[in-house]
């Protein structure tokens, strides 16, 4: 076994990564980005963690290091991203090379189905497998909450855990072991950092409380951190976000609402009527259909803005070519 494979295997390094890395040339060191900062990153290599300079890195990236700087980023097999806050035309990367996206929801607050739908669409579009993790199981009726989550997520596994009692932690840890990467996303106060600490077995991340009135949490995680689990595999904790702006394709939405997609596909001549009839007959929840249509409109608007940006860029390129041709003609 290659020494890189042995040392970095718990982080997800494998023979295909080694082949990709070897093609870059000799004298390089492989490493994984554990935390991306502005202008640099904390990376984990075969000999441990160290800081490097360099912009544009994403937590979870695999990089080739030379002279203390990243000189290449290996292919991002998956990329989880959302629309940047306050921007309609820019993406914000959350994590790269993740296998499982755990959508964390605390049982000390009502289940927000539309937010869950958004998170599922982002996970599917990233190329990862989504799961739902319901935390703080010792505070509420977990059976009822799990039922609601399963109904909203449709076909996605839901795990119920309690950090306080330890119940349910094993199956969540198994999502990452032995060499996969699990990223946690959810609101502030949902219990992500507490869950990471419980799975790692140490106080790896700071923990904050929640307000008593509305169960809103304080932002204790301010950056995306990758930590290695004792049994192998990695976890990436992310800061809590109030809004999950879509930055996804129609495929992500279609996978999230596979029941509606299948129903429409069975009635090519009248997909809209077939779906409406399913609502009337009680076979499809009207709120679920409304959420589906909202996300469809949002992805359509994203595609339209992307087309407009490309059209404007094409126009600018054409204008430059015309001006250059006129200058050459005058000469």
C-alpha atoms as a PDB file:
ATOM      1  CA  UNK A   1       0.000   0.000   0.000  1.00  0.00           C
ATOM      2  CA  UNK A   2       1.296   3.464  -0.858  1.00  0.00           C
ATOM      3  CA  UNK A   3       2.256   5.532   2.203  1.00  0.00           C
ATOM      4  CA  UNK A   4      -0.221   8.283   1.227  1.00  0.00           C
ATOM      5  CA  UNK A   5      -3.041   5.748   1.008  1.00  0.00           C
ATOM      6  CA  UNK A   6      -2.257   4.370   4.464  1.00  0.00           C
ATOM      7  CA  UNK A   7      -1.918   7.755   6.187  1.00  0.00           C
ATOM      8  CA  UNK A   8      -4.804   9.529   4.475  1.00  0.00           C
ATOM      9  CA  UNK A   9      -7.255   6.636   4.118  1.00  0.00           C
ATOM     10  CA  UNK A  10      -9.359   7.743   7.134  1.00  0.00           C
ATOM     11  CA  UNK A  11      -9.884  11.072   5.333  1.00  0.00           C
ATOM     12  CA  UNK A  12     -11.163   9.394   2.173  1.00  0.00           C
ATOM     13  CA  UNK A  13      -7.934   9.008   0.187  1.00  0.00           C
ATOM     14  CA  UNK A  14      -7.964   5.950  -2.084  1.00  0.00           C
ATOM     15  CA  UNK A  15      -6.172   4.420  -5.060  1.00  0.00           C
ATOM     16  CA  UNK A  16      -8.084   6.486  -7.623  1.00  0.00           C
ATOM     17  CA  UNK A  17      -7.042   9.665  -5.819  1.00  0.00           C
ATOM     18  CA  UNK A  18      -3.464   8.403  -5.757  1.00  0.00           C
ATOM     19  CA  UNK A  19      -3.525   7.839  -9.526  1.00  0.00           C
ATOM     20  CA  UNK A  20      -4.906  11.342 -10.053  1.00  0.00           C
ATOM     21  CA  UNK A  21      -2.250  12.783  -7.745  1.00  0.00           C
ATOM     22  CA  UNK A  22       0.653  10.872  -9.355  1.00  0.00           C
ATOM     23  CA  UNK A  23      -0.267  12.353 -12.742  1.00  0.00           C
ATOM     24  CA  UNK A  24       0.584  15.822 -11.399  1.00  0.00           C
ATOM     25  CA  UNK A  25       4.285  15.036 -11.144  1.00  0.00           C
ATOM     26  CA  UNK A  26       6.897  14.380  -8.479  1.00  0.00           C
ATOM     27  CA  UNK A  27       7.834  16.372  -5.395  1.00  0.00           C
ATOM     28  CA  UNK A  28       4.272  17.121  -4.276  1.00  0.00           C
ATOM     29  CA  UNK A  29       2.518  16.386  -0.989  1.00  0.00           C
ATOM     30  CA  UNK A  30      -1.194  15.452  -0.891  1.00  0.00           C
ATOM     31  CA  UNK A  31      -3.426  16.997   1.755  1.00  0.00           C
ATOM     32  CA  UNK A  32      -7.071  17.625   2.515  1.00  0.00           C
ATOM     33  CA  UNK A  33      -8.453  21.025   3.448  1.00  0.00           C
ATOM     34  CA  UNK A  34      -9.733  20.898   7.013  1.00  0.00           C
ATOM     35  CA  UNK A  35     -10.688  24.567   7.235  1.00  0.00           C
ATOM     36  CA  UNK A  36     -10.591  27.165   4.480  1.00  0.00           C
ATOM     37  CA  UNK A  37      -9.746  30.704   5.585  1.00  0.00           C
ATOM     38  CA  UNK A  38      -9.488  33.909   3.624  1.00  0.00           C
ATOM     39  CA  UNK A  39      -6.188  33.681   1.783  1.00  0.00           C
ATOM     40  CA  UNK A  40      -5.208  30.313   3.195  1.00  0.00           C
ATOM     41  CA  UNK A  41      -6.280  27.028   4.727  1.00  0.00           C
ATOM     42  CA  UNK A  42      -5.522  24.516   7.432  1.00  0.00           C
ATOM     43  CA  UNK A  43      -4.763  21.244   5.655  1.00  0.00           C
ATOM     44  CA  UNK A  44      -4.212  17.670   6.832  1.00  0.00           C
ATOM     45  CA  UNK A  45      -1.356  15.771   5.184  1.00  0.00           C
ATOM     46  CA  UNK A  46       0.332  12.396   5.763  1.00  0.00           C
ATOM     47  CA  UNK A  47       2.429  13.909   8.581  1.00  0.00           C
ATOM     48  CA  UNK A  48      -0.284  15.973  10.259  1.00  0.00           C
ATOM     49  CA  UNK A  49      -1.920  19.392  10.021  1.00  0.00           C
ATOM     50  CA  UNK A  50      -0.310  22.601   8.790  1.00  0.00           C
ATOM     51  CA  UNK A  51      -1.306  25.952   7.355  1.00  0.00           C
ATOM     52  CA  UNK A  52      -0.875  26.935   3.709  1.00  0.00           C
ATOM     53  CA  UNK A  53      -1.434  30.145   1.775  1.00  0.00           C
ATOM     54  CA  UNK A  54      -3.745  30.242  -1.211  1.00  0.00           C
ATOM     55  CA  UNK A  55      -7.197  31.489  -2.179  1.00  0.00           C
ATOM     56  CA  UNK A  56     -10.203  29.689  -3.602  1.00  0.00           C
ATOM     57  CA  UNK A  57      -9.987  26.560  -1.487  1.00  0.00           C
ATOM     58  CA  UNK A  58     -13.052  24.820  -0.067  1.00  0.00           C
ATOM     59  CA  UNK A  59     -13.289  22.708   3.073  1.00  0.00           C
ATOM     60  CA  UNK A  60     -13.050  19.101   1.913  1.00  0.00           C
ATOM     61  CA  UNK A  61     -10.838  19.819  -1.093  1.00  0.00           C
ATOM     62  CA  UNK A  62      -7.925  17.526  -1.903  1.00  0.00           C
ATOM     63  CA  UNK A  63      -4.858  19.558  -2.874  1.00  0.00           C
ATOM     64  CA  UNK A  64      -1.261  19.036  -3.989  1.00  0.00           C
ATOM     65  CA  UNK A  65       1.227  21.046  -1.920  1.00  0.00           C
ATOM     66  CA  UNK A  66       4.645  22.313  -3.000  1.00  0.00           C
ATOM     67  CA  UNK A  67       6.746  24.799  -1.069  1.00  0.00           C
ATOM     68  CA  UNK A  68       4.008  25.370   1.498  1.00  0.00           C
ATOM     69  CA  UNK A  69       1.444  26.381  -1.135  1.00  0.00           C
ATOM     70  CA  UNK A  70      -1.313  24.476  -2.943  1.00  0.00           C
ATOM     71  CA  UNK A  71      -0.341  24.128  -6.606  1.00  0.00           C
ATOM     72  CA  UNK A  72      -3.314  22.037  -7.741  1.00  0.00           C
ATOM     73  CA  UNK A  73      -6.799  21.114  -6.567  1.00  0.00           C
ATOM     74  CA  UNK A  74      -7.817  17.549  -7.331  1.00  0.00           C
ATOM     75  CA  UNK A  75     -11.166  16.965  -9.015  1.00  0.00           C
ATOM     76  CA  UNK A  76     -14.136  17.788  -6.832  1.00  0.00           C
ATOM     77  CA  UNK A  77     -16.200  14.609  -7.041  1.00  0.00           C
ATOM     78  CA  UNK A  78     -19.096  16.356  -5.309  1.00  0.00           C
ATOM     79  CA  UNK A  79     -19.704  19.999  -4.403  1.00  0.00           C
ATOM     80  CA  UNK A  80     -22.360  21.225  -1.996  1.00  0.00           C
ATOM     81  CA  UNK A  81     -23.227  24.891  -2.517  1.00  0.00           C
ATOM     82  CA  UNK A  82     -26.041  27.353  -1.943  1.00  0.00           C
ATOM     83  CA  UNK A  83     -26.924  30.785  -3.264  1.00  0.00           C
ATOM     84  CA  UNK A  84     -24.825  33.400  -1.505  1.00  0.00           C
ATOM     85  CA  UNK A  85     -26.765  35.469   1.043  1.00  0.00           C
ATOM     86  CA  UNK A  86     -27.990  38.707  -0.485  1.00  0.00           C
ATOM     87  CA  UNK A  87     -26.866  37.684  -3.992  1.00  0.00           C
ATOM     88  CA  UNK A  88     -29.068  36.414  -6.781  1.00  0.00           C
ATOM     89  CA  UNK A  89     -26.187  35.616  -9.125  1.00  0.00           C
ATOM     90  CA  UNK A  90     -23.460  34.045  -6.986  1.00  0.00           C
ATOM     91  CA  UNK A  91     -22.901  30.686  -5.327  1.00  0.00           C
ATOM     92  CA  UNK A  92     -21.361  30.004  -1.935  1.00  0.00           C
ATOM     93  CA  UNK A  93     -19.516  26.715  -1.625  1.00  0.00           C
ATOM     94  CA  UNK A  94     -20.264  24.778   1.562  1.00  0.00           C
ATOM     95  CA  UNK A  95     -18.113  21.653   1.240  1.00  0.00           C
ATOM     96  CA  UNK A  96     -16.352  19.588  -1.402  1.00  0.00           C
ATOM     97  CA  UNK A  97     -15.980  15.826  -1.847  1.00  0.00           C
ATOM     98  CA  UNK A  98     -18.769  14.898   0.556  1.00  0.00           C
ATOM     99  CA  UNK A  99     -20.575  11.574   0.372  1.00  0.00           C
ATOM    100  CA  UNK A 100     -23.487  12.179   2.752  1.00  0.00           C
ATOM    101  CA  UNK A 101     -25.342  15.399   3.614  1.00  0.00           C
ATOM    102  CA  UNK A 102     -26.942  15.219   7.059  1.00  0.00           C
ATOM    103  CA  UNK A 103     -29.758  17.743   7.393  1.00  0.00           C
ATOM    104  CA  UNK A 104     -29.855  18.389  11.133  1.00  0.00           C
ATOM    105  CA  UNK A 105     -33.131  19.417  12.777  1.00  0.00           C
ATOM    106  CA  UNK A 106     -33.628  19.888  16.505  1.00  0.00           C
ATOM    107  CA  UNK A 107     -36.722  18.401  18.076  1.00  0.00           C
ATOM    108  CA  UNK A 108     -37.013  21.482  20.293  1.00  0.00           C
ATOM    109  CA  UNK A 109     -38.619  23.360  17.372  1.00  0.00           C
ATOM    110  CA  UNK A 110     -41.255  22.597  14.716  1.00  0.00           C
ATOM    111  CA  UNK A 111     -40.151  20.781  11.587  1.00  0.00           C
ATOM    112  CA  UNK A 112     -39.800  23.284   8.740  1.00  0.00           C
ATOM    113  CA  UNK A 113     -40.748  21.182   5.741  1.00  0.00           C
ATOM    114  CA  UNK A 114     -39.994  23.753   3.056  1.00  0.00           C
ATOM    115  CA  UNK A 115     -36.518  24.340   4.447  1.00  0.00           C
ATOM    116  CA  UNK A 116     -36.006  20.583   4.493  1.00  0.00           C
ATOM    117  CA  UNK A 117     -37.051  20.408   0.833  1.00  0.00           C
ATOM    118  CA  UNK A 118     -34.485  23.066  -0.046  1.00  0.00           C
ATOM    119  CA  UNK A 119     -31.707  21.226   1.762  1.00  0.00           C
ATOM    120  CA  UNK A 120     -32.638  17.965   0.049  1.00  0.00           C
ATOM    121  CA  UNK A 121     -32.540  19.602  -3.388  1.00  0.00           C
ATOM    122  CA  UNK A 122     -29.074  21.032  -2.696  1.00  0.00           C
ATOM    123  CA  UNK A 123     -27.803  17.645  -1.479  1.00  0.00           C
ATOM    124  CA  UNK A 124     -29.142  15.712  -4.453  1.00  0.00           C
ATOM    125  CA  UNK A 125     -27.751  18.262  -6.888  1.00  0.00           C
ATOM    126  CA  UNK A 126     -24.338  18.082  -5.209  1.00  0.00           C
ATOM    127  CA  UNK A 127     -24.142  14.386  -6.060  1.00  0.00           C
ATOM    128  CA  UNK A 128     -24.289  13.309  -2.400  1.00  0.00           C
ATOM    129  CA  UNK A 129     -26.766  11.189  -0.454  1.00  0.00           C
ATOM    130  CA  UNK A 130     -29.032  13.165   1.902  1.00  0.00           C
ATOM    131  CA  UNK A 131     -30.199  11.950   5.301  1.00  0.00           C
ATOM    132  CA  UNK A 132     -32.214  13.644   8.033  1.00  0.00           C
ATOM    133  CA  UNK A 133     -30.836  13.730  11.583  1.00  0.00           C
ATOM    134  CA  UNK A 134     -33.290  14.699  14.331  1.00  0.00           C
ATOM    135  CA  UNK A 135     -31.380  15.804  17.436  1.00  0.00           C
ATOM    136  CA  UNK A 136     -32.444  16.391  21.066  1.00  0.00           C
ATOM    137  CA  UNK A 137     -34.619  13.281  21.054  1.00  0.00           C
ATOM    138  CA  UNK A 138     -34.883  13.435  24.846  1.00  0.00           C
ATOM    139  CA  UNK A 139     -36.944  16.661  24.581  1.00  0.00           C
ATOM    140  CA  UNK A 140     -39.904  15.621  22.449  1.00  0.00           C
ATOM    141  CA  UNK A 141     -42.029  12.845  20.953  1.00  0.00           C
ATOM    142  CA  UNK A 142     -39.478  11.419  18.566  1.00  0.00           C
ATOM    143  CA  UNK A 143     -41.829   8.961  16.872  1.00  0.00           C
ATOM    144  CA  UNK A 144     -44.192  11.706  15.675  1.00  0.00           C
ATOM    145  CA  UNK A 145     -41.329  13.942  14.553  1.00  0.00           C
ATOM    146  CA  UNK A 146     -39.626  11.120  12.706  1.00  0.00           C
ATOM    147  CA  UNK A 147     -42.861  10.340  10.920  1.00  0.00           C
ATOM    148  CA  UNK A 148     -43.212  13.944   9.761  1.00  0.00           C
ATOM    149  CA  UNK A 149     -39.591  14.022   8.568  1.00  0.00           C
ATOM    150  CA  UNK A 150     -39.961  10.762   6.648  1.00  0.00           C
ATOM    151  CA  UNK A 151     -43.115  12.060   5.014  1.00  0.00           C
ATOM    152  CA  UNK A 152     -41.467  15.336   4.023  1.00  0.00           C
ATOM    153  CA  UNK A 153     -38.202  13.747   2.858  1.00  0.00           C
ATOM    154  CA  UNK A 154     -39.831  10.796   1.053  1.00  0.00           C
ATOM    155  CA  UNK A 155     -37.450   7.876   0.748  1.00  0.00           C
ATOM    156  CA  UNK A 156     -34.617   9.546   2.677  1.00  0.00           C
ATOM    157  CA  UNK A 157     -33.492   7.870   5.901  1.00  0.00           C
ATOM    158  CA  UNK A 158     -34.204   9.745   9.136  1.00  0.00           C
ATOM    159  CA  UNK A 159     -32.060   9.183  12.238  1.00  0.00           C
ATOM    160  CA  UNK A 160     -33.136  10.210  15.735  1.00  0.00           C
ATOM    161  CA  UNK A 161     -30.333  10.964  18.190  1.00  0.00           C
ATOM    162  CA  UNK A 162     -29.783  12.292  21.684  1.00  0.00           C
ATOM    163  CA  UNK A 163     -26.345  13.580  22.593  1.00  0.00           C
ATOM    164  CA  UNK A 164     -27.364  13.609  26.237  1.00  0.00           C
ATOM    165  CA  UNK A 165     -28.232   9.895  26.380  1.00  0.00           C
ATOM    166  CA  UNK A 166     -26.105   8.649  23.475  1.00  0.00           C
ATOM    167  CA  UNK A 167     -29.088   7.085  21.732  1.00  0.00           C
ATOM    168  CA  UNK A 168     -28.785   6.882  17.945  1.00  0.00           C
ATOM    169  CA  UNK A 169     -25.158   8.040  17.694  1.00  0.00           C
ATOM    170  CA  UNK A 170     -23.850   4.752  16.309  1.00  0.00           C
ATOM    171  CA  UNK A 171     -25.910   4.748  13.084  1.00  0.00           C
ATOM    172  CA  UNK A 172     -24.949   8.373  12.390  1.00  0.00           C
ATOM    173  CA  UNK A 173     -21.239   7.623  12.870  1.00  0.00           C
ATOM    174  CA  UNK A 174     -21.616   4.676  10.486  1.00  0.00           C
ATOM    175  CA  UNK A 175     -22.672   7.092   7.735  1.00  0.00           C
ATOM    176  CA  UNK A 176     -19.064   8.312   7.531  1.00  0.00           C
ATOM    177  CA  UNK A 177     -17.060   5.210   8.391  1.00  0.00           C
ATOM    178  CA  UNK A 178     -14.694   3.944   7.224  1.00  0.00           C
ATOM    179  CA  UNK A 179     -13.599   6.456   4.582  1.00  0.00           C
ATOM    180  CA  UNK A 180     -16.589   8.627   3.674  1.00  0.00           C
ATOM    181  CA  UNK A 181     -17.245  12.274   4.456  1.00  0.00           C
ATOM    182  CA  UNK A 182     -20.420  13.422   6.176  1.00  0.00           C
ATOM    183  CA  UNK A 183     -21.331  17.126   6.198  1.00  0.00           C
ATOM    184  CA  UNK A 184     -23.827  18.565   8.684  1.00  0.00           C
ATOM    185  CA  UNK A 185     -26.096  21.447   7.669  1.00  0.00           C
ATOM    186  CA  UNK A 186     -28.872  23.070   9.662  1.00  0.00           C
ATOM    187  CA  UNK A 187     -29.984  26.102  11.614  1.00  0.00           C
ATOM    188  CA  UNK A 188     -28.049  27.575  14.514  1.00  0.00           C
ATOM    189  CA  UNK A 189     -28.921  25.752  17.711  1.00  0.00           C
ATOM    190  CA  UNK A 190     -29.953  22.564  15.913  1.00  0.00           C
ATOM    191  CA  UNK A 191     -27.200  20.674  17.750  1.00  0.00           C
ATOM    192  CA  UNK A 192     -24.623  20.167  14.997  1.00  0.00           C
ATOM    193  CA  UNK A 193     -21.544  21.010  17.077  1.00  0.00           C
ATOM    194  CA  UNK A 194     -22.798  18.949  20.023  1.00  0.00           C
ATOM    195  CA  UNK A 195     -23.327  16.048  17.639  1.00  0.00           C
ATOM    196  CA  UNK A 196     -19.784  16.373  16.263  1.00  0.00           C
ATOM    197  CA  UNK A 197     -18.302  16.420  19.768  1.00  0.00           C
ATOM    198  CA  UNK A 198     -20.311  13.356  20.765  1.00  0.00           C
ATOM    199  CA  UNK A 199     -19.210  11.424  17.681  1.00  0.00           C
ATOM    200  CA  UNK A 200     -15.559  12.435  17.981  1.00  0.00           C
ATOM    201  CA  UNK A 201     -15.505  11.834  21.728  1.00  0.00           C
ATOM    202  CA  UNK A 202     -13.819  15.158  22.580  1.00  0.00           C
ATOM    203  CA  UNK A 203     -14.758  18.825  22.794  1.00  0.00           C
ATOM    204  CA  UNK A 204     -13.660  19.430  19.212  1.00  0.00           C
ATOM    205  CA  UNK A 205     -16.011  22.362  18.646  1.00  0.00           C
ATOM    206  CA  UNK A 206     -17.464  25.127  20.793  1.00  0.00           C
ATOM    207  CA  UNK A 207     -21.103  24.804  21.815  1.00  0.00           C
ATOM    208  CA  UNK A 208     -23.629  27.556  22.480  1.00  0.00           C
ATOM    209  CA  UNK A 209     -27.076  27.540  24.015  1.00  0.00           C
ATOM    210  CA  UNK A 210     -30.433  28.498  22.561  1.00  0.00           C
ATOM    211  CA  UNK A 211     -32.876  31.238  23.482  1.00  0.00           C
ATOM    212  CA  UNK A 212     -35.692  30.009  25.653  1.00  0.00           C
ATOM    213  CA  UNK A 213     -38.412  31.852  23.746  1.00  0.00           C
ATOM    214  CA  UNK A 214     -37.960  30.534  20.230  1.00  0.00           C
ATOM    215  CA  UNK A 215     -35.205  27.885  20.449  1.00  0.00           C
ATOM    216  CA  UNK A 216     -32.937  29.974  18.215  1.00  0.00           C
ATOM    217  CA  UNK A 217     -29.271  29.210  18.662  1.00  0.00           C
ATOM    218  CA  UNK A 218     -26.147  31.319  18.874  1.00  0.00           C
ATOM    219  CA  UNK A 219     -23.614  31.018  16.052  1.00  0.00           C
ATOM    220  CA  UNK A 220     -20.877  29.001  17.764  1.00  0.00           C
ATOM    221  CA  UNK A 221     -19.488  27.563  14.520  1.00  0.00           C
ATOM    222  CA  UNK A 222     -18.115  30.422  12.417  1.00  0.00           C
ATOM    223  CA  UNK A 223     -16.205  28.369   9.826  1.00  0.00           C
ATOM    224  CA  UNK A 224     -16.502  24.979   8.167  1.00  0.00           C
ATOM    225  CA  UNK A 225     -14.400  22.432  10.047  1.00  0.00           C
ATOM    226  CA  UNK A 226     -13.402  18.937   8.973  1.00  0.00           C
ATOM    227  CA  UNK A 227     -12.703  16.495  11.796  1.00  0.00           C
ATOM    228  CA  UNK A 228     -11.715  12.838  11.649  1.00  0.00           C
ATOM    229  CA  UNK A 229     -13.825  10.236  13.434  1.00  0.00           C
ATOM    230  CA  UNK A 230     -12.094   7.672  15.673  1.00  0.00           C
ATOM    231  CA  UNK A 231     -13.365   4.790  13.530  1.00  0.00           C
ATOM    232  CA  UNK A 232     -12.416   6.428  10.246  1.00  0.00           C
ATOM    233  CA  UNK A 233     -14.287   8.795   8.013  1.00  0.00           C
ATOM    234  CA  UNK A 234     -14.768  12.542   8.367  1.00  0.00           C
ATOM    235  CA  UNK A 235     -17.341  15.017   9.559  1.00  0.00           C
ATOM    236  CA  UNK A 236     -17.672  18.589   8.327  1.00  0.00           C
ATOM    237  CA  UNK A 237     -19.557  20.960  10.605  1.00  0.00           C
ATOM    238  CA  UNK A 238     -20.928  24.139   9.053  1.00  0.00           C
ATOM    239  CA  UNK A 239     -22.174  27.433  10.491  1.00  0.00           C
ATOM    240  CA  UNK A 240     -25.908  27.666  11.000  1.00  0.00           C
ATOM    241  CA  UNK A 241     -27.722  29.609   8.299  1.00  0.00           C
ATOM    242  CA  UNK A 242     -31.099  31.315   8.462  1.00  0.00           C
ATOM    243  CA  UNK A 243     -31.826  30.869   4.764  1.00  0.00           C
ATOM    244  CA  UNK A 244     -30.908  28.172   2.274  1.00  0.00           C
ATOM    245  CA  UNK A 245     -30.990  29.908  -1.076  1.00  0.00           C
ATOM    246  CA  UNK A 246     -31.203  27.451  -3.939  1.00  0.00           C
ATOM    247  CA  UNK A 247     -28.257  27.082  -6.261  1.00  0.00           C
ATOM    248  CA  UNK A 248     -29.346  23.924  -7.951  1.00  0.00           C
ATOM    249  CA  UNK A 249     -30.695  22.414 -11.151  1.00  0.00           C
ATOM    250  CA  UNK A 250     -34.082  21.001 -12.012  1.00  0.00           C
ATOM    251  CA  UNK A 251     -32.667  17.523 -11.341  1.00  0.00           C
ATOM    252  CA  UNK A 252     -32.152  18.293  -7.648  1.00  0.00           C
ATOM    253  CA  UNK A 253     -35.741  19.457  -7.264  1.00  0.00           C
ATOM    254  CA  UNK A 254     -37.035  16.480  -9.254  1.00  0.00           C
ATOM    255  CA  UNK A 255     -35.175  14.048  -6.973  1.00  0.00           C
ATOM    256  CA  UNK A 256     -36.548  15.764  -3.864  1.00  0.00           C
ATOM    257  CA  UNK A 257     -40.112  15.435  -5.150  1.00  0.00           C
ATOM    258  CA  UNK A 258     -39.750  12.076  -6.879  1.00  0.00           C
ATOM    259  CA  UNK A 259     -43.398  11.240  -6.166  1.00  0.00           C
ATOM    260  CA  UNK A 260     -44.625  14.306  -8.052  1.00  0.00           C
ATOM    261  CA  UNK A 261     -42.073  13.766 -10.817  1.00  0.00           C
ATOM    262  CA  UNK A 262     -43.209  10.169 -11.295  1.00  0.00           C
ATOM    263  CA  UNK A 263     -46.872  11.146 -11.226  1.00  0.00           C
ATOM    264  CA  UNK A 264     -46.347  13.778 -13.906  1.00  0.00           C
ATOM    265  CA  UNK A 265     -44.261  11.373 -16.041  1.00  0.00           C
ATOM    266  CA  UNK A 266     -47.071   8.831 -16.067  1.00  0.00           C
ATOM    267  CA  UNK A 267     -49.404  11.397 -17.643  1.00  0.00           C
ATOM    268  CA  UNK A 268     -47.333  13.102 -20.313  1.00  0.00           C
ATOM    269  CA  UNK A 269     -50.378  14.544 -22.005  1.00  0.00           C
ATOM    270  CA  UNK A 270     -51.752  16.192 -18.887  1.00  0.00           C
ATOM    271  CA  UNK A 271     -49.101  16.211 -16.134  1.00  0.00           C
ATOM    272  CA  UNK A 272     -50.570  19.272 -14.418  1.00  0.00           C
ATOM    273  CA  UNK A 273     -54.070  17.854 -14.356  1.00  0.00           C
ATOM    274  CA  UNK A 274     -52.855  14.495 -13.056  1.00  0.00           C
ATOM    275  CA  UNK A 275     -51.052  16.146 -10.157  1.00  0.00           C
ATOM    276  CA  UNK A 276     -54.012  18.362  -9.305  1.00  0.00           C
ATOM    277  CA  UNK A 277     -56.291  15.329  -9.380  1.00  0.00           C
ATOM    278  CA  UNK A 278     -53.978  13.527  -6.959  1.00  0.00           C
ATOM    279  CA  UNK A 279     -54.369  16.453  -4.539  1.00  0.00           C
ATOM    280  CA  UNK A 280     -58.156  16.396  -4.910  1.00  0.00           C
ATOM    281  CA  UNK A 281     -58.237  12.657  -4.229  1.00  0.00           C
ATOM    282  CA  UNK A 282     -56.055  13.011  -1.141  1.00  0.00           C
ATOM    283  CA  UNK A 283     -53.133  11.139  -2.672  1.00  0.00           C
ATOM    284  CA  UNK A 284     -50.830  14.167  -2.585  1.00  0.00           C
ATOM    285  CA  UNK A 285     -50.534  16.857   0.061  1.00  0.00           C
ATOM    286  CA  UNK A 286     -51.349  20.319  -1.294  1.00  0.00           C
ATOM    287  CA  UNK A 287     -48.591  21.934   0.792  1.00  0.00           C
ATOM    288  CA  UNK A 288     -46.040  19.540  -0.700  1.00  0.00           C
ATOM    289  CA  UNK A 289     -47.172  20.438  -4.208  1.00  0.00           C
ATOM    290  CA  UNK A 290     -46.936  24.155  -3.380  1.00  0.00           C
ATOM    291  CA  UNK A 291     -43.370  23.681  -2.105  1.00  0.00           C
ATOM    292  CA  UNK A 292     -42.467  21.799  -5.282  1.00  0.00           C
ATOM    293  CA  UNK A 293     -43.807  24.563  -7.488  1.00  0.00           C
ATOM    294  CA  UNK A 294     -41.994  27.240  -5.473  1.00  0.00           C
ATOM    295  CA  UNK A 295     -38.670  25.485  -5.962  1.00  0.00           C
ATOM    296  CA  UNK A 296     -39.403  24.888  -9.642  1.00  0.00           C
ATOM    297  CA  UNK A 297     -39.973  28.618 -10.139  1.00  0.00           C
ATOM    298  CA  UNK A 298     -36.793  29.427  -8.239  1.00  0.00           C
ATOM    299  CA  UNK A 299     -34.634  27.057 -10.303  1.00  0.00           C
ATOM    300  CA  UNK A 300     -36.198  28.382 -13.512  1.00  0.00           C
ATOM    301  CA  UNK A 301     -35.301  31.930 -12.447  1.00  0.00           C
ATOM    302  CA  UNK A 302     -31.722  30.809 -11.709  1.00  0.00           C
ATOM    303  CA  UNK A 303     -31.412  29.253 -15.159  1.00  0.00           C
ATOM    304  CA  UNK A 304     -32.809  32.390 -16.789  1.00  0.00           C
ATOM    305  CA  UNK A 305     -30.346  34.636 -14.955  1.00  0.00           C
ATOM    306  CA  UNK A 306     -27.491  32.323 -15.977  1.00  0.00           C
ATOM    307  CA  UNK A 307     -28.609  32.543 -19.615  1.00  0.00           C
ATOM    308  CA  UNK A 308     -28.825  36.333 -19.379  1.00  0.00           C
ATOM    309  CA  UNK A 309     -25.313  36.557 -17.918  1.00  0.00           C
ATOM    310  CA  UNK A 310     -23.964  34.368 -20.704  1.00  0.00           C
ATOM    311  CA  UNK A 311     -25.813  36.446 -23.317  1.00  0.00           C
ATOM    312  CA  UNK A 312     -24.389  39.693 -21.941  1.00  0.00           C
ATOM    313  CA  UNK A 313     -20.892  38.183 -21.812  1.00  0.00           C
ATOM    314  CA  UNK A 314     -21.278  36.989 -25.394  1.00  0.00           C
ATOM    315  CA  UNK A 315     -22.347  40.491 -26.415  1.00  0.00           C
ATOM    316  CA  UNK A 316     -19.312  42.022 -24.734  1.00  0.00           C
ATOM    317  CA  UNK A 317     -16.994  39.553 -26.482  1.00  0.00           C
ATOM    318  CA  UNK A 318     -18.618  40.362 -29.824  1.00  0.00           C
ATOM    319  CA  UNK A 319     -18.242  44.109 -29.244  1.00  0.00           C
ATOM    320  CA  UNK A 320     -14.556  43.703 -28.480  1.00  0.00           C
ATOM    321  CA  UNK A 321     -14.021  41.700 -31.672  1.00  0.00           C
ATOM    322  CA  UNK A 322     -15.790  44.354 -33.758  1.00  0.00           C
ATOM    323  CA  UNK A 323     -13.727  47.168 -32.237  1.00  0.00           C
ATOM    324  CA  UNK A 324     -10.534  45.228 -32.844  1.00  0.00           C
ATOM    325  CA  UNK A 325     -11.502  44.558 -36.483  1.00  0.00           C
ATOM    326  CA  UNK A 326     -12.234  48.278 -37.035  1.00  0.00           C
ATOM    327  CA  UNK A 327      -8.858  49.239 -35.588  1.00  0.00           C
ATOM    328  CA  UNK A 328      -7.096  46.766 -37.840  1.00  0.00           C
ATOM    329  CA  UNK A 329      -9.010  48.085 -40.840  1.00  0.00           C
ATOM    330  CA  UNK A 330      -8.011  51.703 -40.103  1.00  0.00           C
ATOM    331  CA  UNK A 331      -4.374  50.636 -39.932  1.00  0.00           C
END
